[in-house]
Amino acid sequence: MKNSDVRVCAIEHGVRMWELADQLGISPETLSRKLRRELPPEEKERMIQAIQTIAVRRW
């Protein structure tokens, strides 16, 4: 599966894809389309940091 590291990180932190899209300032549909193709490492890192930010805010 493409971008499995981003998807697994979101699952491990209990972050839903719509929450990630909101944090990134894009629509959930756009996020879904982006995740269909392998992302550059910089963009993956940005998404993982956003996931971690969401998770920290919950606690």
N, C-alpha and C. Protein backbone atom coordinates (compact mmCIF):
# COMPACT_ATOMS: atom_id res chain seq x y z
N MET A 1 0.85 -1.18 0.00
CA MET A 1 0.00 0.00 0.00
C MET A 1 0.90 1.24 0.00
N LYS A 2 0.52 2.20 -0.77
CA LYS A 2 1.28 3.44 -0.87
C LYS A 2 1.20 4.22 0.45
N ASN A 3 2.30 4.85 0.82
CA ASN A 3 2.37 5.70 2.00
C ASN A 3 1.92 4.99 3.28
N SER A 4 2.26 3.73 3.37
CA SER A 4 1.81 2.95 4.53
C SER A 4 2.38 3.50 5.83
N ASP A 5 3.56 4.12 5.79
CA ASP A 5 4.13 4.67 7.02
C ASP A 5 3.27 5.81 7.57
N VAL A 6 2.72 6.63 6.70
CA VAL A 6 1.83 7.72 7.13
C VAL A 6 0.53 7.13 7.67
N ARG A 7 -0.01 6.16 6.97
CA ARG A 7 -1.27 5.53 7.39
C ARG A 7 -1.12 4.82 8.74
N VAL A 8 -0.03 4.08 8.90
CA VAL A 8 0.21 3.36 10.16
C VAL A 8 0.40 4.34 11.31
N CYS A 9 1.13 5.40 11.07
CA CYS A 9 1.34 6.42 12.11
C CYS A 9 0.00 7.00 12.56
N ALA A 10 -0.87 7.29 11.62
CA ALA A 10 -2.18 7.83 11.97
C ALA A 10 -2.99 6.84 12.81
N ILE A 11 -2.95 5.58 12.42
CA ILE A 11 -3.69 4.55 13.17
C ILE A 11 -3.12 4.41 14.58
N GLU A 12 -1.79 4.36 14.69
CA GLU A 12 -1.15 4.20 15.99
C GLU A 12 -1.47 5.35 16.94
N HIS A 13 -1.63 6.54 16.39
CA HIS A 13 -1.92 7.71 17.22
C HIS A 13 -3.42 8.00 17.34
N GLY A 14 -4.24 7.18 16.70
CA GLY A 14 -5.69 7.37 16.79
C GLY A 14 -6.18 8.61 16.06
N VAL A 15 -5.46 9.00 15.01
CA VAL A 15 -5.83 10.19 14.25
C VAL A 15 -6.57 9.78 12.99
N ARG A 16 -7.70 10.36 12.78
CA ARG A 16 -8.49 10.08 11.57
C ARG A 16 -7.97 10.92 10.41
N MET A 17 -8.20 10.42 9.21
CA MET A 17 -7.68 11.11 8.03
C MET A 17 -8.30 12.50 7.86
N TRP A 18 -9.54 12.67 8.25
CA TRP A 18 -10.14 14.01 8.12
C TRP A 18 -9.47 14.99 9.08
N GLU A 19 -9.03 14.49 10.25
CA GLU A 19 -8.32 15.35 11.19
C GLU A 19 -6.96 15.77 10.62
N LEU A 20 -6.29 14.82 9.99
CA LEU A 20 -5.00 15.12 9.36
C LEU A 20 -5.19 16.14 8.25
N ALA A 21 -6.20 15.95 7.42
CA ALA A 21 -6.47 16.89 6.34
C ALA A 21 -6.74 18.29 6.89
N ASP A 22 -7.52 18.35 7.95
CA ASP A 22 -7.83 19.64 8.58
C ASP A 22 -6.56 20.31 9.09
N GLN A 23 -5.69 19.55 9.74
CA GLN A 23 -4.43 20.08 10.27
C GLN A 23 -3.54 20.59 9.13
N LEU A 24 -3.57 19.91 7.99
CA LEU A 24 -2.75 20.30 6.84
C LEU A 24 -3.38 21.43 6.03
N GLY A 25 -4.64 21.74 6.31
CA GLY A 25 -5.33 22.81 5.59
C GLY A 25 -5.79 22.40 4.21
N ILE A 26 -6.09 21.11 4.04
CA ILE A 26 -6.61 20.61 2.76
C ILE A 26 -7.89 19.82 3.02
N SER A 27 -8.61 19.54 1.96
CA SER A 27 -9.85 18.77 2.13
C SER A 27 -9.51 17.29 2.28
N PRO A 28 -10.39 16.53 2.92
CA PRO A 28 -10.16 15.09 3.05
C PRO A 28 -10.02 14.41 1.68
N GLU A 29 -10.75 14.89 0.71
CA GLU A 29 -10.67 14.32 -0.63
C GLU A 29 -9.28 14.52 -1.24
N THR A 30 -8.72 15.71 -1.03
CA THR A 30 -7.38 16.01 -1.53
C THR A 30 -6.35 15.11 -0.85
N LEU A 31 -6.48 14.93 0.46
CA LEU A 31 -5.57 14.05 1.17
C LEU A 31 -5.65 12.63 0.62
N SER A 32 -6.85 12.17 0.40
CA SER A 32 -7.04 10.83 -0.14
C SER A 32 -6.35 10.68 -1.50
N ARG A 33 -6.49 11.68 -2.35
CA ARG A 33 -5.84 11.63 -3.67
C ARG A 33 -4.32 11.67 -3.53
N LYS A 34 -3.81 12.46 -2.60
CA LYS A 34 -2.36 12.53 -2.41
C LYS A 34 -1.79 11.19 -1.97
N LEU A 35 -2.52 10.49 -1.11
CA LEU A 35 -2.03 9.24 -0.56
C LEU A 35 -2.09 8.08 -1.56
N ARG A 36 -2.69 8.28 -2.69
CA ARG A 36 -2.76 7.22 -3.71
C ARG A 36 -1.41 6.95 -4.36
N ARG A 37 -0.57 7.97 -4.40
CA ARG A 37 0.78 7.83 -5.00
C ARG A 37 1.81 8.06 -3.91
N GLU A 38 2.93 7.38 -4.05
CA GLU A 38 4.00 7.52 -3.06
C GLU A 38 4.46 8.98 -2.99
N LEU A 39 4.49 9.52 -1.78
CA LEU A 39 4.85 10.92 -1.57
C LEU A 39 6.35 11.08 -1.40
N PRO A 40 6.86 12.27 -1.69
CA PRO A 40 8.27 12.56 -1.40
C PRO A 40 8.51 12.51 0.11
N PRO A 41 9.71 12.17 0.53
CA PRO A 41 10.01 12.06 1.97
C PRO A 41 9.68 13.33 2.76
N GLU A 42 9.88 14.50 2.16
CA GLU A 42 9.61 15.74 2.88
C GLU A 42 8.12 15.89 3.20
N GLU A 43 7.29 15.51 2.24
CA GLU A 43 5.84 15.63 2.46
C GLU A 43 5.36 14.59 3.47
N LYS A 44 5.93 13.40 3.41
CA LYS A 44 5.58 12.38 4.40
C LYS A 44 5.94 12.86 5.80
N GLU A 45 7.11 13.43 5.94
CA GLU A 45 7.55 13.92 7.24
C GLU A 45 6.62 15.01 7.75
N ARG A 46 6.18 15.88 6.87
CA ARG A 46 5.24 16.94 7.26
C ARG A 46 3.93 16.34 7.77
N MET A 47 3.46 15.29 7.11
CA MET A 47 2.22 14.64 7.53
C MET A 47 2.39 13.94 8.87
N ILE A 48 3.52 13.27 9.05
CA ILE A 48 3.78 12.58 10.31
C ILE A 48 3.88 13.58 11.46
N GLN A 49 4.51 14.71 11.23
CA GLN A 49 4.58 15.75 12.26
C GLN A 49 3.19 16.29 12.58
N ALA A 50 2.34 16.43 11.56
CA ALA A 50 0.97 16.89 11.80
C ALA A 50 0.20 15.87 12.63
N ILE A 51 0.39 14.60 12.34
CA ILE A 51 -0.27 13.54 13.12
C ILE A 51 0.17 13.62 14.58
N GLN A 52 1.45 13.79 14.80
CA GLN A 52 1.97 13.87 16.17
C GLN A 52 1.45 15.11 16.88
N THR A 53 1.31 16.21 16.17
CA THR A 53 0.76 17.44 16.75
C THR A 53 -0.68 17.21 17.21
N ILE A 54 -1.47 16.56 16.38
CA ILE A 54 -2.86 16.27 16.73
C ILE A 54 -2.90 15.39 17.97
N ALA A 55 -2.07 14.35 17.99
CA ALA A 55 -2.06 13.41 19.11
C ALA A 55 -1.66 14.11 20.41
N VAL A 56 -0.68 15.00 20.36
CA VAL A 56 -0.23 15.71 21.56
C VAL A 56 -1.33 16.63 22.09
N ARG A 57 -2.04 17.28 21.20
CA ARG A 57 -3.13 18.18 21.63
C ARG A 57 -4.23 17.46 22.37
N ARG A 58 -4.43 16.19 22.05
CA ARG A 58 -5.48 15.42 22.72
C ARG A 58 -5.14 15.15 24.17
N TRP A 59 -3.90 15.01 24.48
CA TRP A 59 -3.48 14.66 25.83
C TRP A 59 -3.23 15.91 26.56
